[in-house]
Amino acid sequence: MSTGSMTERRGLISRIAGQAYLWLILIVLYAPILLIFVFSFTNSKVIGNWTGFTFGLYENLFSGYDYSAQVQVDPNLYRAIFYTVVIALTSAFFATFIGTLASIGIYNMRHRERRIVNFMNSIPMINPDILTGISLFLLFVFLGISRGLGTVIIAHVVFCTPYVVLSVMPRLTQMNPNIYEAALDLGATPWQALRKVLLPELLPGMISGFILSLTLSIDDFGVTFFTKGSNGLETLSTFIYADARKGGLTPELRPLFSIIFLTILIGLLIINIRTNKQSTKK
């Protein structure tokens, strides 16, 4: 066998192995989600027991009443959804605001100071969530602050802000540094230059940071668990944890997960399509 044919054969084997590995990873990642989506269309209490196609669980989720069992859906689920949305939106807004201002301040530092602060900003992102949660728990106890909704929001802002800085900083480094100074030279006040010149340039990074903060807040368990206190406050993550400890999951969680996944998927498709269109125009 010639050297050329041996090389082609090795290349073919490498491509097949690479594609097989990619499909294996995709199956492992998305098979559980697909399973939840399929079994959200049956009234079975347990995944794996198909009892017929129906939109019953979706009706239960939106009505708050389980028509098959003639009982109310656990009201704690709806409270958990409400607090999850409130905490995620509030913490994402403040994290985006603080992170954007912090990015501008870090960018205007001297090179050595900027490197040190950027290194310090990366530490909370590398730390395990449980370490951040325990640290904030001990801080609130030391300061005598009662844990509840306020402490969870503060903890989520602290947790998400470094990710906003990470999203906004690349926009600052890519931006022409003379634009802001030119606006000041042309008579704009610092506030006008910030609002009309700087922020529009940073907007894509701010949106990315906001979406990332929103996702991290909804997904977080460790930080929430240690800072929510014992007054009955629950988010989706802590509700699911408590529900699983009872021996199973509320069936209405399956359509809820499916709706969340489809919403995120559609949002990503829209963003990618718009990005591709803008790139084509350029």
Protein backbone atom coordinates (compact mmCIF):
# COMPACT_ATOMS: atom_id res chain seq x y z
CA MET A 1 0.00 0.00 0.00
CA SER A 2 1.38 3.39 -0.99
CA THR A 3 2.12 6.19 1.45
CA GLY A 4 -0.57 8.40 -0.12
CA SER A 5 -3.32 5.80 0.31
CA MET A 6 -2.21 5.16 3.91
CA THR A 7 -2.45 8.90 4.65
CA GLU A 8 -5.91 9.12 3.06
CA ARG A 9 -7.07 6.09 5.05
CA ARG A 10 -5.82 7.58 8.32
CA GLY A 11 -7.50 10.88 7.45
CA LEU A 12 -10.80 9.08 6.76
CA ILE A 13 -10.59 7.18 10.05
CA SER A 14 -9.84 10.41 11.91
CA ARG A 15 -12.85 12.16 10.34
CA ILE A 16 -15.16 9.23 11.13
CA ALA A 17 -13.88 9.05 14.72
CA GLY A 18 -14.27 12.82 15.12
CA GLN A 19 -17.84 12.78 13.80
CA ALA A 20 -18.72 9.78 15.99
CA TYR A 21 -17.32 11.55 19.04
CA LEU A 22 -19.28 14.72 18.18
CA TRP A 23 -22.55 12.81 17.76
CA LEU A 24 -21.94 10.92 21.01
CA ILE A 25 -21.50 14.20 22.90
CA LEU A 26 -24.64 15.67 21.27
CA ILE A 27 -26.67 12.58 22.15
CA VAL A 28 -25.49 12.62 25.77
CA LEU A 29 -26.30 16.36 26.04
CA TYR A 30 -29.66 16.46 24.28
CA ALA A 31 -31.18 13.00 24.82
CA PRO A 32 -32.38 13.84 28.37
CA ILE A 33 -33.93 17.10 27.11
CA LEU A 34 -35.64 15.24 24.28
CA LEU A 35 -36.91 12.66 26.78
CA ILE A 36 -38.42 15.37 28.97
CA PHE A 37 -39.99 17.04 25.92
CA VAL A 38 -41.58 13.77 24.68
CA PHE A 39 -42.97 12.81 28.09
CA SER A 40 -44.40 16.29 28.63
CA PHE A 41 -47.18 15.12 26.27
CA THR A 42 -48.42 12.34 28.51
CA ASN A 43 -50.11 12.37 31.93
CA SER A 44 -47.80 9.73 33.38
CA LYS A 45 -46.41 10.64 36.78
CA VAL A 46 -43.13 8.89 35.98
CA ILE A 47 -40.92 9.37 32.92
CA GLY A 48 -40.77 6.13 30.95
CA ASN A 49 -44.43 5.19 31.38
CA TRP A 50 -46.29 6.40 28.26
CA THR A 51 -50.04 6.57 28.88
CA GLY A 52 -51.10 8.24 25.63
CA PHE A 53 -50.61 11.55 23.87
CA THR A 54 -52.23 14.52 25.63
CA PHE A 55 -51.72 18.19 26.41
CA GLY A 56 -52.94 17.51 29.96
CA LEU A 57 -49.74 18.53 31.74
CA TYR A 58 -49.64 21.83 29.81
CA GLU A 59 -53.28 22.47 30.80
CA ASN A 60 -52.42 21.67 34.41
CA LEU A 61 -49.40 24.01 34.34
CA PHE A 62 -51.34 26.99 33.00
CA SER A 63 -54.55 26.40 34.96
CA GLY A 64 -52.98 25.36 38.26
CA TYR A 65 -55.36 22.41 38.53
CA ASP A 66 -54.65 18.71 37.89
CA TYR A 67 -57.81 17.56 36.12
CA SER A 68 -56.85 13.85 36.10
CA ALA A 69 -56.31 13.71 39.88
CA GLN A 70 -58.86 16.44 40.70
CA VAL A 71 -56.39 18.33 42.90
CA GLN A 72 -54.56 21.65 42.77
CA VAL A 73 -51.06 21.71 41.33
CA ASP A 74 -48.52 22.40 44.07
CA PRO A 75 -48.79 26.19 44.66
CA ASN A 76 -45.14 26.25 45.75
CA LEU A 77 -44.22 25.63 42.09
CA TYR A 78 -45.84 28.91 41.01
CA ARG A 79 -44.27 30.83 43.87
CA ALA A 80 -40.89 29.37 42.87
CA ILE A 81 -41.43 30.45 39.24
CA PHE A 82 -42.43 33.96 40.37
CA TYR A 83 -39.43 34.43 42.64
CA THR A 84 -37.08 32.92 40.04
CA VAL A 85 -38.22 35.47 37.43
CA VAL A 86 -38.10 38.41 39.89
CA ILE A 87 -34.64 37.50 41.18
CA ALA A 88 -33.24 36.80 37.69
CA LEU A 89 -34.52 40.04 36.12
CA THR A 90 -33.55 42.23 39.08
CA SER A 91 -30.08 40.75 39.56
CA ALA A 92 -29.38 40.75 35.79
CA PHE A 93 -30.35 44.45 35.56
CA PHE A 94 -28.13 45.54 38.47
CA ALA A 95 -25.28 43.22 37.44
CA THR A 96 -25.36 44.69 33.92
CA PHE A 97 -25.38 48.26 35.27
CA ILE A 98 -22.57 47.67 37.78
CA GLY A 99 -20.56 45.46 35.41
CA THR A 100 -20.70 48.04 32.59
CA LEU A 101 -19.52 50.87 34.84
CA ALA A 102 -16.83 48.60 36.27
CA SER A 103 -15.65 47.70 32.76
CA ILE A 104 -15.32 51.37 31.81
CA GLY A 105 -13.36 52.04 35.00
CA ILE A 106 -11.09 49.02 34.49
CA TYR A 107 -10.46 49.98 30.86
CA ASN A 108 -9.25 53.43 31.89
CA MET A 109 -6.74 52.04 34.38
CA ARG A 110 -3.06 51.73 33.62
CA HIS A 111 -1.99 48.48 31.97
CA ARG A 112 -0.53 46.86 35.11
CA GLU A 113 -3.51 47.78 37.29
CA ARG A 114 -5.93 46.60 34.59
CA ARG A 115 -4.25 43.18 34.47
CA ILE A 116 -4.44 42.82 38.26
CA VAL A 117 -8.14 43.78 38.40
CA ASN A 118 -9.00 41.52 35.46
CA PHE A 119 -7.24 38.66 37.25
CA MET A 120 -9.22 39.37 40.42
CA ASN A 121 -12.43 39.55 38.37
CA SER A 122 -11.79 36.06 36.98
CA ILE A 123 -11.45 34.45 40.43
CA PRO A 124 -15.22 34.43 41.28
CA MET A 125 -15.95 32.80 37.91
CA ILE A 126 -13.46 30.00 38.59
CA ASN A 127 -14.60 29.45 42.18
CA PRO A 128 -17.23 26.71 42.71
CA ASP A 129 -20.74 28.08 43.34
CA ILE A 130 -20.86 26.39 46.72
CA LEU A 131 -17.78 28.32 47.89
CA THR A 132 -19.37 31.64 46.84
CA GLY A 133 -22.63 30.66 48.52
CA ILE A 134 -21.00 29.69 51.81
CA SER A 135 -18.83 32.84 51.80
CA LEU A 136 -21.86 35.09 51.31
CA PHE A 137 -23.81 33.12 53.91
CA LEU A 138 -21.06 33.69 56.49
CA LEU A 139 -20.85 37.38 55.53
CA PHE A 140 -24.59 37.91 56.03
CA VAL A 141 -24.49 36.07 59.36
CA PHE A 142 -21.47 38.12 60.50
CA LEU A 143 -23.22 41.39 59.58
CA GLY A 144 -26.46 40.26 61.22
CA ILE A 145 -28.47 40.56 58.00
CA SER A 146 -31.64 38.46 57.87
CA ARG A 147 -31.57 36.21 54.85
CA GLY A 148 -34.40 36.37 52.34
CA LEU A 149 -35.27 37.84 48.97
CA GLY A 150 -32.91 40.81 49.39
CA THR A 151 -29.88 38.70 50.27
CA VAL A 152 -30.54 36.34 47.34
CA ILE A 153 -30.69 39.28 44.92
CA ILE A 154 -27.47 40.76 46.37
CA ALA A 155 -25.77 37.36 46.12
CA HIS A 156 -26.87 36.92 42.51
CA VAL A 157 -25.64 40.41 41.59
CA VAL A 158 -22.25 39.60 43.13
CA PHE A 159 -22.24 36.24 41.35
CA CYS A 160 -23.19 37.62 37.90
CA THR A 161 -21.28 40.92 37.74
CA PRO A 162 -17.88 39.38 36.77
CA TYR A 163 -19.54 37.74 33.75
CA VAL A 164 -20.90 41.12 32.62
CA VAL A 165 -17.41 42.60 32.89
CA LEU A 166 -16.13 39.68 30.81
CA SER A 167 -18.79 40.41 28.16
CA VAL A 168 -18.33 44.20 28.00
CA MET A 169 -14.52 44.44 28.12
CA PRO A 170 -13.96 43.06 24.59
CA ARG A 171 -16.26 45.77 23.18
CA LEU A 172 -14.17 48.43 24.92
CA THR A 173 -10.90 47.03 23.60
CA GLN A 174 -12.30 46.87 20.03
CA MET A 175 -13.71 50.41 20.17
CA ASN A 176 -11.82 53.41 18.85
CA PRO A 177 -10.53 55.07 22.05
CA ASN A 178 -10.70 58.53 20.47
CA ILE A 179 -14.49 58.54 19.95
CA TYR A 180 -15.30 59.52 23.52
CA GLU A 181 -12.65 62.26 23.60
CA ALA A 182 -13.85 63.57 20.23
CA ALA A 183 -17.39 63.87 21.58
CA LEU A 184 -16.10 65.91 24.54
CA ASP A 185 -14.06 68.14 22.21
CA LEU A 186 -17.19 68.81 20.13
CA GLY A 187 -19.04 70.15 23.16
CA ALA A 188 -20.78 67.10 24.62
CA THR A 189 -20.93 66.76 28.38
CA PRO A 190 -19.44 63.59 29.93
CA TRP A 191 -22.97 62.27 30.51
CA GLN A 192 -23.99 62.97 26.90
CA ALA A 193 -20.82 61.35 25.57
CA LEU A 194 -21.44 58.32 27.77
CA ARG A 195 -25.12 58.00 26.80
CA LYS A 196 -24.92 58.81 23.08
CA VAL A 197 -21.43 57.63 22.11
CA LEU A 198 -20.04 55.07 24.56
CA LEU A 199 -23.13 53.06 25.55
CA PRO A 200 -24.30 52.40 21.94
CA GLU A 201 -20.86 50.95 21.24
CA LEU A 202 -21.07 48.76 24.35
CA LEU A 203 -24.71 47.72 23.85
CA PRO A 204 -24.01 44.29 22.25
CA GLY A 205 -21.72 43.37 25.14
CA MET A 206 -24.25 44.66 27.66
CA ILE A 207 -27.02 42.58 26.07
CA SER A 208 -24.77 39.50 26.11
CA GLY A 209 -23.92 40.15 29.77
CA PHE A 210 -27.59 40.64 30.66
CA ILE A 211 -28.66 37.40 28.97
CA LEU A 212 -25.76 35.51 30.55
CA SER A 213 -26.63 36.93 33.99
CA LEU A 214 -30.28 36.00 33.48
CA THR A 215 -29.35 32.44 32.58
CA LEU A 216 -26.89 32.07 35.45
CA SER A 217 -29.40 33.41 37.95
CA ILE A 218 -32.18 31.07 36.81
CA ASP A 219 -29.78 28.12 36.81
CA ASP A 220 -28.05 28.82 40.14
CA PHE A 221 -28.58 26.54 43.12
CA GLY A 222 -25.54 26.74 45.40
CA VAL A 223 -25.57 30.51 46.00
CA THR A 224 -29.38 30.60 46.35
CA PHE A 225 -29.52 27.68 48.77
CA PHE A 226 -27.13 29.31 51.26
CA THR A 227 -28.55 32.84 51.06
CA LYS A 228 -32.34 32.32 50.89
CA GLY A 229 -32.83 31.76 54.60
CA SER A 230 -35.58 29.67 56.18
CA ASN A 231 -38.63 31.88 55.61
CA GLY A 232 -40.05 29.73 52.80
CA LEU A 233 -38.44 31.49 49.85
CA GLU A 234 -37.95 29.07 46.96
CA THR A 235 -36.64 29.37 43.41
CA LEU A 236 -37.00 26.73 40.71
CA SER A 237 -33.63 25.18 41.53
CA THR A 238 -34.32 24.86 45.27
CA PHE A 239 -37.91 23.74 44.63
CA ILE A 240 -36.68 20.96 42.31
CA TYR A 241 -34.09 19.93 44.92
CA ALA A 242 -36.75 19.71 47.65
CA ASP A 243 -39.17 17.97 45.28
CA ALA A 244 -36.59 15.36 44.25
CA ARG A 245 -35.86 14.56 47.90
CA LYS A 246 -39.51 13.54 48.30
CA GLY A 247 -38.97 10.71 45.81
CA GLY A 248 -39.96 12.24 42.49
CA LEU A 249 -40.58 15.39 40.49
CA THR A 250 -43.84 17.24 39.98
CA PRO A 251 -45.07 16.17 36.48
CA GLU A 252 -45.87 19.79 35.55
CA LEU A 253 -42.13 20.49 35.62
CA ARG A 254 -41.78 18.59 32.33
CA PRO A 255 -43.85 21.03 30.23
CA LEU A 256 -42.22 23.93 32.10
CA PHE A 257 -38.74 22.69 31.17
CA SER A 258 -39.87 22.15 27.57
CA ILE A 259 -41.21 25.70 27.31
CA ILE A 260 -38.00 27.17 28.78
CA PHE A 261 -35.83 25.14 26.39
CA LEU A 262 -37.88 26.05 23.31
CA THR A 263 -37.91 29.75 24.31
CA ILE A 264 -34.12 29.79 24.63
CA LEU A 265 -33.70 27.84 21.39
CA ILE A 266 -35.95 30.21 19.43
CA GLY A 267 -34.19 33.23 20.97
CA LEU A 268 -30.78 31.90 19.95
CA LEU A 269 -31.98 31.18 16.42
CA ILE A 270 -33.35 34.72 16.07
CA ILE A 271 -30.11 36.26 17.39
CA ASN A 272 -27.96 34.12 15.06
CA ILE A 273 -30.12 34.92 12.03
CA ARG A 274 -29.96 38.65 12.77
CA THR A 275 -26.20 38.46 13.32
CA ASN A 276 -25.70 36.63 10.02
CA LYS A 277 -27.83 39.22 8.19
CA GLN A 278 -25.82 42.09 9.69
CA SER A 279 -22.55 40.34 8.73
CA THR A 280 -23.81 39.84 5.17
CA LYS A 281 -24.73 43.53 4.86
CA LYS A 282 -21.25 44.55 5.98
